[in-house]
PDB file of N, CA and C in Angstrom:
ATOM      1  N   MET A   1      18.009  -5.334   8.369  1.00  0.00           N
ATOM      2  CA  MET A   1      18.109  -5.024   7.312  1.00  0.00           C
ATOM      3  C   MET A   1      19.777  -4.813   6.739  1.00  0.00           C
ATOM      4  N   SER A   2      19.907  -5.032   5.625  1.00  0.00           N
ATOM      5  CA  SER A   2      21.025  -4.825   4.887  1.00  0.00           C
ATOM      6  C   SER A   2      21.317  -4.122   4.237  1.00  0.00           C
ATOM      7  N   ALA A   3      22.434  -3.741   3.358  1.00  0.00           N
ATOM      8  CA  ALA A   3      22.649  -2.836   2.813  1.00  0.00           C
ATOM      9  C   ALA A   3      22.262  -2.874   1.638  1.00  0.00           C
ATOM     10  N   ILE A   4      21.678  -1.662   0.975  1.00  0.00           N
ATOM     11  CA  ILE A   4      20.913  -1.609  -0.673  1.00  0.00           C
ATOM     12  C   ILE A   4      21.702  -1.032  -1.329  1.00  0.00           C
ATOM     13  N   HIS A   5      22.404  -1.600  -2.381  1.00  0.00           N
ATOM     14  CA  HIS A   5      23.384  -0.892  -3.412  1.00  0.00           C
ATOM     15  C   HIS A   5      22.350   0.218  -4.238  1.00  0.00           C
ATOM     16  N   PHE A   6      23.026   0.986  -4.822  1.00  0.00           N
ATOM     17  CA  PHE A   6      22.100   1.629  -5.994  1.00  0.00           C
ATOM     18  C   PHE A   6      21.693   0.715  -6.986  1.00  0.00           C
ATOM     19  N   GLN A   7      20.213   1.012  -7.365  1.00  0.00           N
ATOM     20  CA  GLN A   7      19.569  -0.110  -8.430  1.00  0.00           C
ATOM     21  C   GLN A   7      18.457   0.870  -8.989  1.00  0.00           C
ATOM     22  N   THR A   8      18.235   0.539 -10.077  1.00  0.00           N
ATOM     23  CA  THR A   8      16.845   1.160 -10.843  1.00  0.00           C
ATOM     24  C   THR A   8      15.791  -0.112 -10.588  1.00  0.00           C
ATOM     25  N   ILE A   9      14.170   0.815 -10.635  1.00  0.00           N
ATOM     26  CA  ILE A   9      13.518  -0.009 -10.618  1.00  0.00           C
ATOM     27  C   ILE A   9      12.794   0.136 -11.935  1.00  0.00           C
ATOM     28  N   ASP A  10      12.387  -0.689 -12.654  1.00  0.00           N
ATOM     29  CA  ASP A  10      11.568  -0.794 -14.027  1.00  0.00           C
ATOM     30  C   ASP A  10      10.088  -1.536 -13.573  1.00  0.00           C
ATOM     31  N   TRP A  11       8.908  -0.648 -13.044  1.00  0.00           N
ATOM     32  CA  TRP A  11       8.193  -1.445 -12.373  1.00  0.00           C
ATOM     33  C   TRP A  11       7.234  -2.237 -13.533  1.00  0.00           C
ATOM     34  N   ASN A  12       7.521  -1.692 -14.657  1.00  0.00           N
ATOM     35  CA  ASN A  12       6.816  -2.623 -15.865  1.00  0.00           C
ATOM     36  C   ASN A  12       7.562  -3.718 -16.025  1.00  0.00           C
ATOM     37  N   ALA A  13       8.679  -3.912 -15.593  1.00  0.00           N
ATOM     38  CA  ALA A  13       9.290  -5.272 -15.859  1.00  0.00           C
ATOM     39  C   ALA A  13       8.990  -6.511 -14.580  1.00  0.00           C
ATOM     40  N   VAL A  14       8.370  -5.753 -13.845  1.00  0.00           N
ATOM     41  CA  VAL A  14       8.198  -6.606 -12.368  1.00  0.00           C
ATOM     42  C   VAL A  14       6.843  -7.204 -12.630  1.00  0.00           C
ATOM     43  N   ILE A  15       6.939  -8.499 -12.615  1.00  0.00           N
ATOM     44  CA  ILE A  15       5.642  -9.520 -12.692  1.00  0.00           C
ATOM     45  C   ILE A  15       4.493  -9.073 -11.848  1.00  0.00           C
ATOM     46  N   PRO A  16       3.308  -8.651 -12.302  1.00  0.00           N
ATOM     47  CA  PRO A  16       2.328  -8.430 -11.199  1.00  0.00           C
ATOM     48  C   PRO A  16       1.598  -9.724 -10.757  1.00  0.00           C
ATOM     49  N   THR A  17       1.228  -9.413  -9.359  1.00  0.00           N
ATOM     50  CA  THR A  17       0.108 -10.354  -8.857  1.00  0.00           C
ATOM     51  C   THR A  17      -1.270  -9.682  -8.307  1.00  0.00           C
ATOM     52  N   LYS A  18      -2.298 -10.857  -8.628  1.00  0.00           N
ATOM     53  CA  LYS A  18      -3.672 -10.197  -8.415  1.00  0.00           C
ATOM     54  C   LYS A  18      -3.934 -10.607  -7.067  1.00  0.00           C
ATOM     55  N   HIS A  19      -4.613  -9.437  -6.173  1.00  0.00           N
ATOM     56  CA  HIS A  19      -5.217 -10.032  -5.307  1.00  0.00           C
ATOM     57  C   HIS A  19      -6.489  -9.500  -5.225  1.00  0.00           C
ATOM     58  N   LYS A  20      -7.901 -10.270  -4.654  1.00  0.00           N
ATOM     59  CA  LYS A  20      -9.061  -9.972  -4.563  1.00  0.00           C
ATOM     60  C   LYS A  20      -9.490  -9.355  -3.380  1.00  0.00           C
ATOM     61  N   GLY A  21     -10.370  -8.150  -3.464  1.00  0.00           N
ATOM     62  CA  GLY A  21     -10.676  -7.296  -2.329  1.00  0.00           C
ATOM     63  C   GLY A  21     -12.163  -8.309  -1.970  1.00  0.00           C
ATOM     64  N   GLU A  22     -12.455  -7.288  -1.167  1.00  0.00           N
ATOM     65  CA  GLU A  22     -14.224  -7.806  -0.892  1.00  0.00           C
ATOM     66  C   GLU A  22     -14.746  -7.441  -1.992  1.00  0.00           C
ATOM     67  N   THR A  23     -14.716  -6.321  -3.079  1.00  0.00           N
ATOM     68  CA  THR A  23     -15.036  -5.786  -4.195  1.00  0.00           C
ATOM     69  C   THR A  23     -13.622  -5.359  -4.801  1.00  0.00           C
ATOM     70  N   GLY A  24     -13.552  -5.830  -6.163  1.00  0.00           N
ATOM     71  CA  GLY A  24     -12.128  -5.403  -6.964  1.00  0.00           C
ATOM     72  C   GLY A  24     -11.176  -6.041  -6.928  1.00  0.00           C
ATOM     73  N   THR A  25     -10.136  -5.619  -7.299  1.00  0.00           N
ATOM     74  CA  THR A  25      -8.941  -6.110  -7.193  1.00  0.00           C
ATOM     75  C   THR A  25      -7.923  -5.076  -6.872  1.00  0.00           C
ATOM     76  N   ALA A  26      -6.630  -5.619  -6.351  1.00  0.00           N
ATOM     77  CA  ALA A  26      -5.602  -5.182  -6.190  1.00  0.00           C
ATOM     78  C   ALA A  26      -4.587  -5.506  -7.222  1.00  0.00           C
ATOM     79  N   THR A  27      -3.908  -4.827  -8.085  1.00  0.00           N
ATOM     80  CA  THR A  27      -2.404  -5.655  -8.504  1.00  0.00           C
ATOM     81  C   THR A  27      -1.066  -5.178  -7.768  1.00  0.00           C
ATOM     82  N   TRP A  28      -0.738  -6.157  -7.332  1.00  0.00           N
ATOM     83  CA  TRP A  28       0.681  -5.544  -6.904  1.00  0.00           C
ATOM     84  C   TRP A  28       1.951  -6.006  -8.181  1.00  0.00           C
ATOM     85  N   ARG A  29       3.214  -4.890  -7.867  1.00  0.00           N
ATOM     86  CA  ARG A  29       4.203  -5.414  -8.346  1.00  0.00           C
ATOM     87  C   ARG A  29       5.317  -5.378  -7.376  1.00  0.00           C
ATOM     88  N   THR A  30       6.076  -6.397  -6.932  1.00  0.00           N
ATOM     89  CA  THR A  30       6.659  -6.241  -5.588  1.00  0.00           C
ATOM     90  C   THR A  30       8.077  -6.289  -5.701  1.00  0.00           C
ATOM     91  N   LEU A  31       8.929  -5.523  -5.233  1.00  0.00           N
ATOM     92  CA  LEU A  31      10.514  -6.127  -4.982  1.00  0.00           C
ATOM     93  C   LEU A  31      10.659  -6.234  -3.315  1.00  0.00           C
ATOM     94  N   GLN A  32      10.786  -7.622  -3.309  1.00  0.00           N
ATOM     95  CA  GLN A  32      11.243  -7.866  -2.037  1.00  0.00           C
ATOM     96  C   GLN A  32      12.736  -7.891  -1.328  1.00  0.00           C
ATOM     97  N   LEU A  33      13.120  -6.841  -0.408  1.00  0.00           N
ATOM     98  CA  LEU A  33      14.590  -6.899  -0.204  1.00  0.00           C
ATOM     99  C   LEU A  33      14.608  -7.756   1.085  1.00  0.00           C
ATOM    100  N   ASP A  34      15.736  -7.809   1.860  1.00  0.00           N
ATOM    101  CA  ASP A  34      15.842  -8.101   2.962  1.00  0.00           C
ATOM    102  C   ASP A  34      15.274  -7.270   4.180  1.00  0.00           C
ATOM    103  N   GLY A  35      14.108  -7.688   4.867  1.00  0.00           N
ATOM    104  CA  GLY A  35      13.571  -6.457   5.898  1.00  0.00           C
ATOM    105  C   GLY A  35      13.073  -5.317   5.299  1.00  0.00           C
ATOM    106  N   LEU A  36      12.591  -5.258   3.390  1.00  0.00           N
ATOM    107  CA  LEU A  36      12.096  -4.207   3.281  1.00  0.00           C
ATOM    108  C   LEU A  36      11.126  -5.002   2.073  1.00  0.00           C
ATOM    109  N   ARG A  37      10.080  -4.197   1.862  1.00  0.00           N
ATOM    110  CA  ARG A  37       8.937  -4.807   0.767  1.00  0.00           C
ATOM    111  C   ARG A  37       8.585  -3.328   0.281  1.00  0.00           C
ATOM    112  N   ILE A  38       9.029  -3.116  -1.014  1.00  0.00           N
ATOM    113  CA  ILE A  38       8.361  -2.166  -2.042  1.00  0.00           C
ATOM    114  C   ILE A  38       7.501  -2.380  -3.133  1.00  0.00           C
ATOM    115  N   ARG A  39       6.526  -1.930  -3.368  1.00  0.00           N
ATOM    116  CA  ARG A  39       5.153  -2.231  -3.951  1.00  0.00           C
ATOM    117  C   ARG A  39       4.839  -1.009  -4.566  1.00  0.00           C
ATOM    118  N   GLU A  40       4.374  -1.253  -6.005  1.00  0.00           N
ATOM    119  CA  GLU A  40       3.493  -0.551  -7.085  1.00  0.00           C
ATOM    120  C   GLU A  40       2.410  -1.027  -6.938  1.00  0.00           C
ATOM    121  N   VAL A  41       1.539  -0.525  -6.486  1.00  0.00           N
ATOM    122  CA  VAL A  41      -0.019  -1.105  -5.947  1.00  0.00           C
ATOM    123  C   VAL A  41      -1.068  -0.328  -7.126  1.00  0.00           C
ATOM    124  N   GLU A  42      -1.800  -1.073  -7.556  1.00  0.00           N
ATOM    125  CA  GLU A  42      -3.053  -0.754  -8.370  1.00  0.00           C
ATOM    126  C   GLU A  42      -4.469  -1.181  -7.928  1.00  0.00           C
ATOM    127  N   TYR A  43      -5.249  -0.361  -7.459  1.00  0.00           N
ATOM    128  CA  TYR A  43      -6.833  -0.661  -6.899  1.00  0.00           C
ATOM    129  C   TYR A  43      -7.644  -0.439  -8.357  1.00  0.00           C
ATOM    130  N   SER A  44      -8.293  -1.642  -8.265  1.00  0.00           N
ATOM    131  CA  SER A  44      -9.393  -1.035  -9.610  1.00  0.00           C
ATOM    132  C   SER A  44     -10.469  -0.221  -9.188  1.00  0.00           C
ATOM    133  N   LYS A  45     -11.279   0.316  -9.785  1.00  0.00           N
ATOM    134  CA  LYS A  45     -12.615   0.879  -9.407  1.00  0.00           C
ATOM    135  C   LYS A  45     -13.300   0.287  -8.908  1.00  0.00           C
ATOM    136  N   GLY A  46     -13.613   0.644  -7.274  1.00  0.00           N
ATOM    137  CA  GLY A  46     -14.981  -0.283  -6.727  1.00  0.00           C
ATOM    138  C   GLY A  46     -14.321  -0.996  -5.847  1.00  0.00           C
ATOM    139  N   TYR A  47     -12.872  -0.875  -5.820  1.00  0.00           N
ATOM    140  CA  TYR A  47     -11.907  -1.717  -4.739  1.00  0.00           C
ATOM    141  C   TYR A  47     -12.482  -1.245  -3.271  1.00  0.00           C
ATOM    142  N   LEU A  48     -12.518  -2.581  -2.471  1.00  0.00           N
ATOM    143  CA  LEU A  48     -12.455  -2.575  -1.138  1.00  0.00           C
ATOM    144  C   LEU A  48     -11.738  -3.463  -0.383  1.00  0.00           C
ATOM    145  N   ALA A  49     -10.813  -3.344   0.530  1.00  0.00           N
ATOM    146  CA  ALA A  49      -9.942  -4.464   1.068  1.00  0.00           C
ATOM    147  C   ALA A  49     -10.367  -5.470   2.055  1.00  0.00           C
ATOM    148  N   ASP A  50     -10.253  -6.659   1.700  1.00  0.00           N
ATOM    149  CA  ASP A  50     -11.284  -7.758   2.399  1.00  0.00           C
ATOM    150  C   ASP A  50     -10.699  -7.981   3.919  1.00  0.00           C
ATOM    151  N   HIS A  51      -9.709  -6.941   4.436  1.00  0.00           N
ATOM    152  CA  HIS A  51      -9.464  -7.241   5.752  1.00  0.00           C
ATOM    153  C   HIS A  51      -8.950  -5.897   6.083  1.00  0.00           C
ATOM    154  N   TRP A  52      -8.816  -5.757   7.485  1.00  0.00           N
ATOM    155  CA  TRP A  52      -8.401  -4.992   8.393  1.00  0.00           C
ATOM    156  C   TRP A  52      -6.920  -5.171   8.790  1.00  0.00           C
ATOM    157  N   CYS A  53      -6.205  -4.430   8.398  1.00  0.00           N
ATOM    158  CA  CYS A  53      -4.631  -4.620   8.226  1.00  0.00           C
ATOM    159  C   CYS A  53      -4.041  -3.676   9.672  1.00  0.00           C
ATOM    160  N   ARG A  54      -3.397  -4.338  10.164  1.00  0.00           N
ATOM    161  CA  ARG A  54      -2.574  -4.082  11.269  1.00  0.00           C
ATOM    162  C   ARG A  54      -1.054  -3.995  11.108  1.00  0.00           C
ATOM    163  N   LYS A  55      -0.384  -3.860   9.779  1.00  0.00           N
ATOM    164  CA  LYS A  55       0.989  -3.817   9.302  1.00  0.00           C
ATOM    165  C   LYS A  55       1.194  -2.499   9.372  1.00  0.00           C
ATOM    166  N   GLY A  56       2.660  -1.853   9.391  1.00  0.00           N
ATOM    167  CA  GLY A  56       2.639  -0.433   9.327  1.00  0.00           C
ATOM    168  C   GLY A  56       3.140  -0.288   7.871  1.00  0.00           C
ATOM    169  N   HIS A  57       2.858   0.751   7.185  1.00  0.00           N
ATOM    170  CA  HIS A  57       3.359   0.995   5.460  1.00  0.00           C
ATOM    171  C   HIS A  57       3.574   2.778   5.628  1.00  0.00           C
ATOM    172  N   PHE A  58       4.266   2.688   4.659  1.00  0.00           N
ATOM    173  CA  PHE A  58       4.691   4.163   4.220  1.00  0.00           C
ATOM    174  C   PHE A  58       3.417   4.152   2.826  1.00  0.00           C
ATOM    175  N   VAL A  59       2.478   4.746   2.845  1.00  0.00           N
ATOM    176  CA  VAL A  59       1.997   4.776   1.285  1.00  0.00           C
ATOM    177  C   VAL A  59       1.541   6.052   0.744  1.00  0.00           C
ATOM    178  N   HIS A  60       2.264   6.142  -0.385  1.00  0.00           N
ATOM    179  CA  HIS A  60       1.971   7.439  -1.323  1.00  0.00           C
ATOM    180  C   HIS A  60       0.971   7.178  -2.522  1.00  0.00           C
ATOM    181  N   CYS A  61       0.338   8.065  -2.796  1.00  0.00           N
ATOM    182  CA  CYS A  61      -0.641   7.915  -3.827  1.00  0.00           C
ATOM    183  C   CYS A  61       0.030   8.962  -5.029  1.00  0.00           C
ATOM    184  N   LEU A  62       0.163   7.749  -6.219  1.00  0.00           N
ATOM    185  CA  LEU A  62       0.686   8.375  -7.546  1.00  0.00           C
ATOM    186  C   LEU A  62      -0.311   8.949  -8.321  1.00  0.00           C
ATOM    187  N   GLU A  63      -1.701   8.198  -8.736  1.00  0.00           N
ATOM    188  CA  GLU A  63      -2.557   8.516  -9.482  1.00  0.00           C
ATOM    189  C   GLU A  63      -3.969   8.141  -8.497  1.00  0.00           C
ATOM    190  N   GLY A  64      -4.536   9.325  -8.958  1.00  0.00           N
ATOM    191  CA  GLY A  64      -6.231   8.741  -8.399  1.00  0.00           C
ATOM    192  C   GLY A  64      -6.422   9.132  -7.027  1.00  0.00           C
ATOM    193  N   GLU A  65      -7.239   8.537  -6.429  1.00  0.00           N
ATOM    194  CA  GLU A  65      -8.001   9.114  -5.265  1.00  0.00           C
ATOM    195  C   GLU A  65      -8.588   7.927  -4.564  1.00  0.00           C
ATOM    196  N   PHE A  66      -8.108   7.386  -3.093  1.00  0.00           N
ATOM    197  CA  PHE A  66      -8.681   6.812  -2.369  1.00  0.00           C
ATOM    198  C   PHE A  66      -8.880   6.704  -0.648  1.00  0.00           C
ATOM    199  N   VAL A  67      -9.648   6.349  -0.291  1.00  0.00           N
ATOM    200  CA  VAL A  67      -9.921   6.278   1.282  1.00  0.00           C
ATOM    201  C   VAL A  67      -9.492   5.399   2.175  1.00  0.00           C
ATOM    202  N   SER A  68      -8.878   5.738   3.062  1.00  0.00           N
ATOM    203  CA  SER A  68      -7.958   4.767   4.369  1.00  0.00           C
ATOM    204  C   SER A  68      -9.044   5.026   5.205  1.00  0.00           C
ATOM    205  N   GLU A  69      -9.850   3.926   5.490  1.00  0.00           N
ATOM    206  CA  GLU A  69     -10.575   4.012   6.360  1.00  0.00           C
ATOM    207  C   GLU A  69     -10.013   3.298   8.198  1.00  0.00           C
ATOM    208  N   LEU A  70      -9.998   3.674   8.969  1.00  0.00           N
ATOM    209  CA  LEU A  70      -9.234   3.036  10.459  1.00  0.00           C
ATOM    210  C   LEU A  70     -10.796   2.191  11.378  1.00  0.00           C
ATOM    211  N   ALA A  71     -10.391   1.181  11.744  1.00  0.00           N
ATOM    212  CA  ALA A  71     -11.348   0.745  12.560  1.00  0.00           C
ATOM    213  C   ALA A  71     -12.386   1.323  13.649  1.00  0.00           C
ATOM    214  N   ASP A  72     -11.778   2.540  14.055  1.00  0.00           N
ATOM    215  CA  ASP A  72     -12.729   3.363  14.898  1.00  0.00           C
ATOM    216  C   ASP A  72     -13.538   4.412  14.322  1.00  0.00           C
ATOM    217  N   GLY A  73     -13.282   4.574  12.715  1.00  0.00           N
ATOM    218  CA  GLY A  73     -14.509   4.726  11.905  1.00  0.00           C
ATOM    219  C   GLY A  73     -13.902   5.950  11.276  1.00  0.00           C
ATOM    220  N   GLN A  74     -12.627   6.855  11.737  1.00  0.00           N
ATOM    221  CA  GLN A  74     -12.207   7.739  11.360  1.00  0.00           C
ATOM    222  C   GLN A  74     -11.912   7.422   9.482  1.00  0.00           C
ATOM    223  N   LYS A  75     -12.119   8.587   8.703  1.00  0.00           N
ATOM    224  CA  LYS A  75     -11.848   8.313   7.289  1.00  0.00           C
ATOM    225  C   LYS A  75     -10.934   9.315   6.837  1.00  0.00           C
ATOM    226  N   PHE A  76     -10.026   8.564   5.595  1.00  0.00           N
ATOM    227  CA  PHE A  76      -9.006   9.865   5.546  1.00  0.00           C
ATOM    228  C   PHE A  76      -8.464   9.788   3.808  1.00  0.00           C
ATOM    229  N   ILE A  77      -9.276  11.151   3.130  1.00  0.00           N
ATOM    230  CA  ILE A  77      -9.171  11.150   1.591  1.00  0.00           C
ATOM    231  C   ILE A  77      -7.598  11.225   1.320  1.00  0.00           C
ATOM    232  N   LEU A  78      -7.269  10.413   0.482  1.00  0.00           N
ATOM    233  CA  LEU A  78      -5.663  10.727   0.078  1.00  0.00           C
ATOM    234  C   LEU A  78      -5.721  10.915  -1.735  1.00  0.00           C
ATOM    235  N   LYS A  79      -5.125  12.017  -2.035  1.00  0.00           N
ATOM    236  CA  LYS A  79      -5.570  11.964  -3.357  1.00  0.00           C
ATOM    237  C   LYS A  79      -3.935  12.218  -4.089  1.00  0.00           C
ATOM    238  N   LYS A  80      -3.452  12.527  -5.330  1.00  0.00           N
ATOM    239  CA  LYS A  80      -2.220  12.306  -5.766  1.00  0.00           C
ATOM    240  C   LYS A  80      -1.495  12.819  -5.427  1.00  0.00           C
ATOM    241  N   GLY A  81      -0.447  12.976  -4.642  1.00  0.00           N
ATOM    242  CA  GLY A  81       0.738  13.588  -4.403  1.00  0.00           C
ATOM    243  C   GLY A  81       0.488  13.413  -2.507  1.00  0.00           C
ATOM    244  N   MET A  82      -0.271  12.685  -2.093  1.00  0.00           N
ATOM    245  CA  MET A  82      -0.471  12.611  -0.727  1.00  0.00           C
ATOM    246  C   MET A  82      -0.468  11.443   0.018  1.00  0.00           C
ATOM    247  N   SER A  83       0.340  11.187   1.052  1.00  0.00           N
ATOM    248  CA  SER A  83       1.006  10.196   1.874  1.00  0.00           C
ATOM    249  C   SER A  83       0.347   9.767   3.165  1.00  0.00           C
ATOM    250  N   TYR A  84       0.577   8.659   3.642  1.00  0.00           N
ATOM    251  CA  TYR A  84       0.327   8.572   5.105  1.00  0.00           C
ATOM    252  C   TYR A  84       1.503   7.402   5.532  1.00  0.00           C
ATOM    253  N   ILE A  85       1.897   7.564   6.958  1.00  0.00           N
ATOM    254  CA  ILE A  85       2.784   6.567   7.431  1.00  0.00           C
ATOM    255  C   ILE A  85       2.362   6.101   8.690  1.00  0.00           C
ATOM    256  N   VAL A  86       2.216   4.871   9.213  1.00  0.00           N
ATOM    257  CA  VAL A  86       1.786   4.303  10.348  1.00  0.00           C
ATOM    258  C   VAL A  86       2.777   3.022  10.743  1.00  0.00           C
ATOM    259  N   SER A  87       3.265   2.789  12.039  1.00  0.00           N
ATOM    260  CA  SER A  87       3.868   1.849  12.508  1.00  0.00           C
ATOM    261  C   SER A  87       3.036   0.720  12.544  1.00  0.00           C
ATOM    262  N   ASP A  88       3.774  -0.988  12.276  1.00  0.00           N
ATOM    263  CA  ASP A  88       3.144  -2.005  12.639  1.00  0.00           C
ATOM    264  C   ASP A  88       2.215  -1.688  13.788  1.00  0.00           C
ATOM    265  N   GLU A  89       1.074  -2.392  13.876  1.00  0.00           N
ATOM    266  CA  GLU A  89       0.190  -2.471  15.254  1.00  0.00           C
ATOM    267  C   GLU A  89      -0.193  -1.242  15.929  1.00  0.00           C
ATOM    268  N   LEU A  90      -0.301  -0.082  15.284  1.00  0.00           N
ATOM    269  CA  LEU A  90      -0.913   0.981  15.747  1.00  0.00           C
ATOM    270  C   LEU A  90      -2.227   1.597  15.323  1.00  0.00           C
ATOM    271  N   SER A  91      -2.721   0.617  14.233  1.00  0.00           N
ATOM    272  CA  SER A  91      -3.915   0.943  13.568  1.00  0.00           C
ATOM    273  C   SER A  91      -4.328  -0.327  13.053  1.00  0.00           C
ATOM    274  N   SER A  92      -5.749  -0.312  12.860  1.00  0.00           N
ATOM    275  CA  SER A  92      -6.383  -1.423  11.940  1.00  0.00           C
ATOM    276  C   SER A  92      -6.975  -0.101  11.025  1.00  0.00           C
ATOM    277  N   HIS A  93      -6.537  -0.474   9.821  1.00  0.00           N
ATOM    278  CA  HIS A  93      -6.916  -0.074   8.692  1.00  0.00           C
ATOM    279  C   HIS A  93      -7.104  -0.471   7.722  1.00  0.00           C
ATOM    280  N   ARG A  94      -8.184   0.019   6.546  1.00  0.00           N
ATOM    281  CA  ARG A  94      -7.909  -0.809   4.990  1.00  0.00           C
ATOM    282  C   ARG A  94      -8.386   0.389   4.372  1.00  0.00           C
ATOM    283  N   SER A  95      -8.127   0.062   3.019  1.00  0.00           N
ATOM    284  CA  SER A  95      -8.290   1.000   1.685  1.00  0.00           C
ATOM    285  C   SER A  95      -9.980   0.807   0.987  1.00  0.00           C
ATOM    286  N   TYR A  96     -10.276   1.732   0.359  1.00  0.00           N
ATOM    287  CA  TYR A  96     -11.557   1.677  -0.568  1.00  0.00           C
ATOM    288  C   TYR A  96     -10.914   2.807  -1.874  1.00  0.00           C
ATOM    289  N   THR A  97     -11.383   2.574  -3.224  1.00  0.00           N
ATOM    290  CA  THR A  97     -11.776   3.567  -3.967  1.00  0.00           C
ATOM    291  C   THR A  97     -12.809   3.409  -4.591  1.00  0.00           C
ATOM    292  N   GLU A  98     -13.434   4.476  -5.254  1.00  0.00           N
ATOM    293  CA  GLU A  98     -14.601   4.487  -6.271  1.00  0.00           C
ATOM    294  C   GLU A  98     -13.928   4.659  -7.353  1.00  0.00           C
ATOM    295  N   THR A  99     -12.972   5.179  -7.742  1.00  0.00           N
ATOM    296  CA  THR A  99     -12.300   5.663  -9.097  1.00  0.00           C
ATOM    297  C   THR A  99     -11.293   4.688  -9.609  1.00  0.00           C
ATOM    298  N   GLY A 100     -10.540   4.213  -8.798  1.00  0.00           N
ATOM    299  CA  GLY A 100      -9.145   3.538  -8.819  1.00  0.00           C
ATOM    300  C   GLY A 100      -8.065   4.403  -8.558  1.00  0.00           C
ATOM    301  N   VAL A 101      -6.957   3.696  -8.067  1.00  0.00           N
ATOM    302  CA  VAL A 101      -5.817   4.649  -7.529  1.00  0.00           C
ATOM    303  C   VAL A 101      -4.533   3.572  -7.862  1.00  0.00           C
ATOM    304  N   LYS A 102      -3.545   4.362  -8.321  1.00  0.00           N
ATOM    305  CA  LYS A 102      -2.250   3.815  -8.075  1.00  0.00           C
ATOM    306  C   LYS A 102      -0.961   4.190  -6.869  1.00  0.00           C
ATOM    307  N   LEU A 103      -0.631   3.293  -5.956  1.00  0.00           N
ATOM    308  CA  LEU A 103       0.278   3.861  -5.012  1.00  0.00           C
ATOM    309  C   LEU A 103       1.414   3.083  -4.913  1.00  0.00           C
ATOM    310  N   LEU A 104       2.338   3.741  -4.415  1.00  0.00           N
ATOM    311  CA  LEU A 104       3.552   3.522  -3.867  1.00  0.00           C
ATOM    312  C   LEU A 104       3.527   3.232  -2.833  1.00  0.00           C
ATOM    313  N   ILE A 105       3.691   1.519  -2.279  1.00  0.00           N
ATOM    314  CA  ILE A 105       3.752   1.204  -0.618  1.00  0.00           C
ATOM    315  C   ILE A 105       5.133   0.590  -0.421  1.00  0.00           C
ATOM    316  N   ILE A 106       5.440   0.968   0.902  1.00  0.00           N
ATOM    317  CA  ILE A 106       7.164   0.861   1.388  1.00  0.00           C
ATOM    318  C   ILE A 106       6.740   0.207   2.828  1.00  0.00           C
ATOM    319  N   ASP A 107       6.788  -1.130   3.211  1.00  0.00           N
ATOM    320  CA  ASP A 107       7.039  -1.334   4.491  1.00  0.00           C
ATOM    321  C   ASP A 107       8.244  -2.342   4.470  1.00  0.00           C
ATOM    322  N   GLY A 108       8.210  -2.666   6.277  1.00  0.00           N
ATOM    323  CA  GLY A 108       9.299  -3.443   6.519  1.00  0.00           C
ATOM    324  C   GLY A 108       9.709  -3.448   7.705  1.00  0.00           C
ATOM    325  N   ASP A 109      10.866  -4.138   8.120  1.00  0.00           N
ATOM    326  CA  ASP A 109      11.270  -3.857   9.942  1.00  0.00           C
ATOM    327  C   ASP A 109      11.553  -2.521  10.471  1.00  0.00           C
ATOM    328  N   PHE A 110      11.395  -1.499   9.549  1.00  0.00           N
ATOM    329  CA  PHE A 110      12.037   0.007  10.086  1.00  0.00           C
ATOM    330  C   PHE A 110      10.386   0.478  10.921  1.00  0.00           C
ATOM    331  N   LEU A 111       9.221  -0.415  10.406  1.00  0.00           N
ATOM    332  CA  LEU A 111       8.043   0.114  11.128  1.00  0.00           C
ATOM    333  C   LEU A 111       7.802  -0.762  12.243  1.00  0.00           C
ATOM    334  N   LYS A 112       8.551  -1.696  12.446  1.00  0.00           N
ATOM    335  CA  LYS A 112       7.929  -2.706  13.796  1.00  0.00           C
ATOM    336  C   LYS A 112       8.407  -1.691  15.049  1.00  0.00           C
ATOM    337  N   LEU A 113       7.667  -1.754  15.988  1.00  0.00           N
ATOM    338  CA  LEU A 113       7.714  -1.158  17.192  1.00  0.00           C
ATOM    339  C   LEU A 113       8.675  -1.981  18.054  1.00  0.00           C
ATOM    340  N   SER A 114       9.503  -1.169  18.916  1.00  0.00           N
ATOM    341  CA  SER A 114      10.977  -1.868  19.388  1.00  0.00           C
ATOM    342  C   SER A 114      10.330  -2.468  20.834  1.00  0.00           C
TER     343      SER A 114
END
């Protein structure tokens, strides 16, 4: 990862991309840096991810509520102001929300296992 100089991010100026879930949609606004991806992500009402993810993330709930479900059946409810973190390859997880949610998601090389 290279040095990151001070910068501000106006998320409203970042072009959104849409990603279909099993149900609902995810809207991503992505800042991609060398070895680091920062996203503001909104899941629509009724969103369910269409895959089990094994990538590591730092996820912070900005608005709303969602469930992070692990492949082993564990479920964690995250509400505004709550976060989770996991390294790459340490869990299979997916998200769903009944009401919709806005998240800040950070991932990158720092979450890879050595």
